[in-house]
Protein backbone atom coordinates (compact mmCIF):
# COMPACT_ATOMS: atom_id res chain seq x y z
CA UNK A 1 0.00 0.00 0.00
CA UNK A 2 1.19 3.52 -0.72
CA UNK A 3 1.97 5.53 2.39
CA UNK A 4 0.25 8.88 2.71
CA UNK A 5 3.03 10.94 4.29
CA UNK A 6 2.61 14.25 6.06
CA UNK A 7 0.68 16.80 4.04
CA UNK A 8 2.62 20.04 3.71
CA UNK A 9 1.12 23.43 4.20
CA UNK A 10 0.25 25.80 1.37
CA UNK A 11 2.62 26.07 -1.57
CA UNK A 12 4.01 29.57 -1.26
CA UNK A 13 7.64 29.53 -2.36
CA UNK A 14 8.94 30.75 -5.69
CA UNK A 15 10.15 27.54 -7.34
CA UNK A 16 6.62 26.67 -8.49
CA UNK A 17 5.98 28.19 -11.92
CA UNK A 18 2.19 28.46 -12.54
CA UNK A 19 2.64 28.09 -16.31
CA UNK A 20 4.53 24.84 -15.83
CA UNK A 21 1.89 23.54 -13.40
CA UNK A 22 -0.88 24.25 -15.91
CA UNK A 23 0.99 22.39 -18.64
CA UNK A 24 1.68 19.28 -16.54
CA UNK A 25 -1.84 19.31 -15.08
CA UNK A 26 -3.22 18.58 -18.55
CA UNK A 27 -0.99 15.49 -18.79
CA UNK A 28 -1.24 14.12 -15.24
CA UNK A 29 -3.43 11.11 -15.97
CA UNK A 30 -1.10 9.92 -18.73
CA UNK A 31 1.98 9.18 -16.60
CA UNK A 32 1.86 5.38 -16.84
CA UNK A 33 0.94 5.16 -20.52
CA UNK A 34 4.23 4.11 -22.22
CA UNK A 35 2.90 5.31 -25.58
CA UNK A 36 1.41 8.55 -24.27
CA UNK A 37 2.65 12.05 -23.52
CA UNK A 38 5.36 10.78 -21.15
CA UNK A 39 6.75 8.25 -23.62
CA UNK A 40 10.16 10.05 -23.70
CA UNK A 41 10.58 9.49 -19.95
CA UNK A 42 9.53 5.84 -20.24
CA UNK A 43 12.15 5.34 -22.95
CA UNK A 44 14.77 7.20 -20.89
CA UNK A 45 13.96 5.42 -17.64
CA UNK A 46 16.14 2.35 -18.19
CA UNK A 47 19.26 4.48 -18.63
CA UNK A 48 18.31 6.74 -15.71
CA UNK A 49 17.70 3.85 -13.29
CA UNK A 50 20.87 2.06 -14.36
CA UNK A 51 22.95 5.20 -13.86
CA UNK A 52 21.42 6.00 -10.46
CA UNK A 53 21.78 2.41 -9.23
CA UNK A 54 25.42 2.14 -10.33
CA UNK A 55 26.43 5.42 -8.69
CA UNK A 56 24.56 4.73 -5.46
CA UNK A 57 26.08 1.26 -5.18
CA UNK A 58 29.55 2.63 -5.82
CA UNK A 59 29.20 5.51 -3.36
CA UNK A 60 27.58 3.52 -0.55
CA UNK A 61 29.62 0.33 -1.15
CA UNK A 62 26.67 -1.82 -2.15
CA UNK A 63 26.73 -4.96 -4.29
CA UNK A 64 24.79 -4.12 -7.48
CA UNK A 65 24.27 -7.83 -8.22
CA UNK A 66 21.96 -8.41 -5.25
CA UNK A 67 18.18 -8.23 -5.63
CA UNK A 68 17.77 -5.18 -3.36
CA UNK A 69 21.10 -3.36 -3.35
CA UNK A 70 19.57 -0.06 -2.20
CA UNK A 71 17.96 -1.49 0.94
CA UNK A 72 18.17 0.95 3.84
CA UNK A 73 18.83 4.04 1.71
CA UNK A 74 16.36 6.92 2.08
CA UNK A 75 15.90 8.66 -1.25
CA UNK A 76 13.92 11.80 -2.08
CA UNK A 77 12.55 12.27 -5.60
CA UNK A 78 11.76 15.95 -6.19
CA UNK A 79 9.10 16.55 -8.82
CA UNK A 80 8.27 12.85 -8.75
CA UNK A 81 5.39 13.09 -11.21
CA UNK A 82 3.54 9.79 -11.47
CA UNK A 83 6.33 7.82 -9.81
CA UNK A 84 8.38 6.58 -12.77
CA UNK A 85 11.58 6.69 -10.71
CA UNK A 86 10.12 5.96 -7.27
CA UNK A 87 8.65 2.59 -8.19
CA UNK A 88 11.71 0.87 -9.73
CA UNK A 89 13.99 2.25 -7.00
CA UNK A 90 11.59 0.93 -4.36
CA UNK A 91 11.86 -2.49 -6.00
CA UNK A 92 15.64 -2.17 -5.64
CA UNK A 93 15.17 -1.76 -1.90
CA UNK A 94 15.23 2.02 -1.41
CA UNK A 95 12.87 3.78 0.99
CA UNK A 96 11.38 6.37 -1.36
CA UNK A 97 9.74 9.72 -0.69
CA UNK A 98 8.26 11.44 -3.73
CA UNK A 99 7.25 15.09 -3.64
CA UNK A 100 5.38 16.95 -6.36
CA UNK A 101 3.78 20.40 -6.47
CA UNK A 102 0.90 19.12 -8.62
CA UNK A 103 -1.76 17.28 -6.64
CA UNK A 104 -2.97 15.40 -9.71
CA UNK A 105 0.48 13.86 -10.14
CA UNK A 106 0.56 12.72 -6.51
CA UNK A 107 -2.88 11.11 -6.80
CA UNK A 108 -1.78 9.27 -9.95
CA UNK A 109 1.42 8.11 -8.23
CA UNK A 110 -0.40 6.92 -5.12
CA UNK A 111 -2.97 5.00 -7.14
CA UNK A 112 -0.35 3.24 -9.25
CA UNK A 113 1.78 2.37 -6.21
CA UNK A 114 -1.26 0.86 -4.52
CA UNK A 115 -2.05 -1.19 -7.62
CA UNK A 116 1.58 -2.34 -7.70
CA UNK A 117 1.55 -3.14 -3.95
CA UNK A 118 4.49 -0.82 -3.29
CA UNK A 119 4.97 1.28 -0.16
CA UNK A 120 6.04 4.78 -1.22
CA UNK A 121 5.67 8.01 0.73
CA UNK A 122 4.14 10.40 -1.80
CA UNK A 123 3.49 13.99 -0.75
CA UNK A 124 1.85 16.98 -2.39
CA UNK A 125 4.18 19.91 -1.84
CA UNK A 126 7.53 21.47 -2.67
CA UNK A 127 11.17 21.11 -1.73
CA UNK A 128 10.97 24.46 0.07
CA UNK A 129 8.29 23.09 2.37
CA UNK A 130 10.45 20.12 3.29
CA UNK A 131 13.25 22.50 4.24
CA UNK A 132 10.93 24.75 6.22
CA UNK A 133 9.45 21.79 8.10
CA UNK A 134 12.97 20.58 9.01
CA UNK A 135 12.60 17.24 7.27
CA UNK A 136 15.44 14.86 8.05
CA UNK A 137 17.97 14.99 5.17
CA UNK A 138 18.16 12.00 2.84
CA UNK A 139 20.93 9.67 1.70
CA UNK A 140 20.23 10.76 -1.88
CA UNK A 141 18.13 13.39 -3.63
CA UNK A 142 16.89 13.00 -7.21
CA UNK A 143 16.42 16.20 -9.16
CA UNK A 144 15.69 14.69 -12.56
CA UNK A 145 14.26 16.73 -15.46
CA UNK A 146 12.93 19.30 -12.99
CA UNK A 147 15.21 22.33 -12.75
CA UNK A 148 14.33 23.51 -16.29
CA UNK A 149 10.71 23.87 -15.15
CA UNK A 150 11.16 25.90 -11.94
CA UNK A 151 11.29 29.58 -11.15
CA UNK A 152 14.41 30.72 -9.27
CA UNK A 153 16.65 27.71 -10.06
CA UNK A 154 19.57 28.89 -7.91
CA UNK A 155 17.44 29.07 -4.76
CA UNK A 156 15.70 25.84 -5.73
CA UNK A 157 19.08 24.12 -5.88
CA UNK A 158 20.04 25.40 -2.43
CA UNK A 159 16.87 23.88 -1.02
CA UNK A 160 17.58 20.60 -2.80
CA UNK A 161 21.09 20.59 -1.37
CA UNK A 162 19.74 21.16 2.13
CA UNK A 163 17.93 17.82 1.88
CA UNK A 164 21.18 15.89 1.24
CA UNK A 165 22.76 14.53 4.42
CA UNK A 166 26.52 14.76 5.01
CA UNK A 167 28.07 12.02 2.90
CA UNK A 168 24.96 11.86 0.74
CA UNK A 169 24.43 12.36 -2.98
CA UNK A 170 22.32 14.37 -5.41
CA UNK A 171 21.54 13.52 -9.02
CA UNK A 172 20.49 16.35 -11.32
CA UNK A 173 19.58 15.81 -14.97
CA UNK A 174 18.35 18.47 -17.36
CA UNK A 175 18.66 19.87 -20.90
CA UNK A 176 21.51 22.08 -22.08
CA UNK A 177 20.77 25.53 -23.51
CA UNK A 178 22.26 25.03 -26.96
CA UNK A 179 21.10 25.39 -30.54
CA UNK A 180 21.23 21.60 -30.89
CA UNK A 181 18.99 21.16 -27.85
CA UNK A 182 16.55 23.74 -29.22
CA UNK A 183 16.50 21.92 -32.56
CA UNK A 184 16.03 18.39 -31.21
CA UNK A 185 14.49 18.71 -27.72
CA UNK A 186 12.05 21.50 -28.53
CA UNK A 187 11.43 21.79 -32.28
CA UNK A 188 11.93 18.09 -32.98
CA UNK A 189 10.30 16.53 -29.91
CA UNK A 190 7.43 19.00 -29.48
CA UNK A 191 6.63 20.35 -32.96
CA UNK A 192 7.78 17.70 -35.44
CA UNK A 193 7.59 14.30 -33.72
CA UNK A 194 5.02 15.54 -31.18
CA UNK A 195 6.44 13.30 -28.48
CA UNK A 196 5.65 16.11 -26.02
CA UNK A 197 2.97 18.81 -26.01
CA UNK A 198 4.09 22.12 -27.46
CA UNK A 199 5.43 24.43 -24.78
CA UNK A 200 6.65 21.66 -22.47
CA UNK A 201 10.13 23.24 -22.55
CA UNK A 202 11.06 26.91 -22.82
CA UNK A 203 14.46 27.60 -24.33
CA UNK A 204 15.38 30.43 -21.96
CA UNK A 205 14.84 28.12 -18.95
CA UNK A 206 17.21 25.42 -20.18
CA UNK A 207 20.40 25.14 -18.11
CA UNK A 208 24.04 25.11 -19.15
CA UNK A 209 26.35 22.71 -17.25
CA UNK A 210 28.48 25.56 -15.93
CA UNK A 211 25.37 27.26 -14.51
CA UNK A 212 24.26 24.06 -12.83
CA UNK A 213 27.75 23.49 -11.44
CA UNK A 214 27.80 27.00 -9.90
CA UNK A 215 24.38 26.50 -8.28
CA UNK A 216 25.45 23.13 -6.87
CA UNK A 217 28.60 24.63 -5.37
CA UNK A 218 26.55 27.49 -3.88
CA UNK A 219 24.32 24.82 -2.30
CA UNK A 220 27.34 23.43 -0.45
CA UNK A 221 27.79 20.29 -2.54
CA UNK A 222 30.72 19.07 -4.65
CA UNK A 223 29.73 18.36 -8.28
CA UNK A 224 31.42 15.76 -10.43
CA UNK A 225 31.94 16.45 -14.16
CA UNK A 226 28.66 16.35 -16.05
CA UNK A 227 27.89 13.31 -18.20
CA UNK A 228 25.83 13.26 -21.38
CA UNK A 229 22.74 11.17 -22.09
CA UNK A 230 22.15 10.41 -25.76
CA UNK A 231 19.19 8.88 -27.59
CA UNK A 232 19.80 6.57 -30.53
CA UNK A 233 16.77 7.22 -32.76
CA UNK A 234 17.28 3.95 -34.64
CA UNK A 235 17.15 1.72 -31.57
CA UNK A 236 15.04 4.08 -29.41
CA UNK A 237 17.54 3.51 -26.59
CA UNK A 238 19.31 5.99 -24.32
CA UNK A 239 22.94 5.60 -23.29
CA UNK A 240 25.45 7.46 -21.14
CA UNK A 241 27.88 9.41 -23.36
CA UNK A 242 30.37 12.29 -23.53
CA UNK A 243 27.93 14.45 -25.50
CA UNK A 244 26.54 17.22 -23.26
CA UNK A 245 24.92 19.18 -26.07
CA UNK A 246 21.34 18.12 -25.28
CA UNK A 247 20.64 15.96 -22.21
CA UNK A 248 23.12 15.61 -19.37
CA UNK A 249 23.30 14.54 -15.73
CA UNK A 250 25.45 15.83 -12.88
CA UNK A 251 26.18 13.91 -9.69
CA UNK A 252 27.11 15.82 -6.56
CA UNK A 253 28.03 14.85 -3.00
CA UNK A 254 27.87 16.63 0.33
CA UNK A 255 31.23 16.31 2.13
């Protein structure tokens, strides 16, 4: 059964962008449709989970070959959506908390977790509310495909960093602000292939790796070099690469 978690108070902080909430609200019921509006995330999920698992196991000295290598690790998924990351990581043994500013997303996530007989603490709220309520910091924080949708990304990152315990990790993936990313991630994905609704991404809110690195450092964490994530359109598979021109992920640790 899906755990309810503590309901936060009103959403008042600046990281919630009303335009972004309106856009995702229209798609909320489609999270678990692998051929629907969130198909790009379903396709990407294998590479994301593999990358997260490998890095967590390496950092916390876990055996990745066991059935539940993440057992005992508390992980926070910020902007969890319908639970595409929370569910597979729960199956790997992690104790997951998923937070999302859109109530429709949380209801979808809770319903699917219940159907899947998984215990996940889903909460309607924001990262700022967790900080304000003095939530106990986590072993790892996931900030995946979120920062390009928030208002005030530098402050948002500081709040994310505050939820990482000493010795813990943060994963942050996003889209680079380049002409190539505009061509493929916005024009191609939203207007030509129509994998995503038009307006899902705004070019001026995309994030360059050096900007993300500066925000991570300001949050008191130590970032590792960013790593690219590349889609092979012929195989429809994502892989980790050296190409940062579109999608990339940055891992950071709190000393």
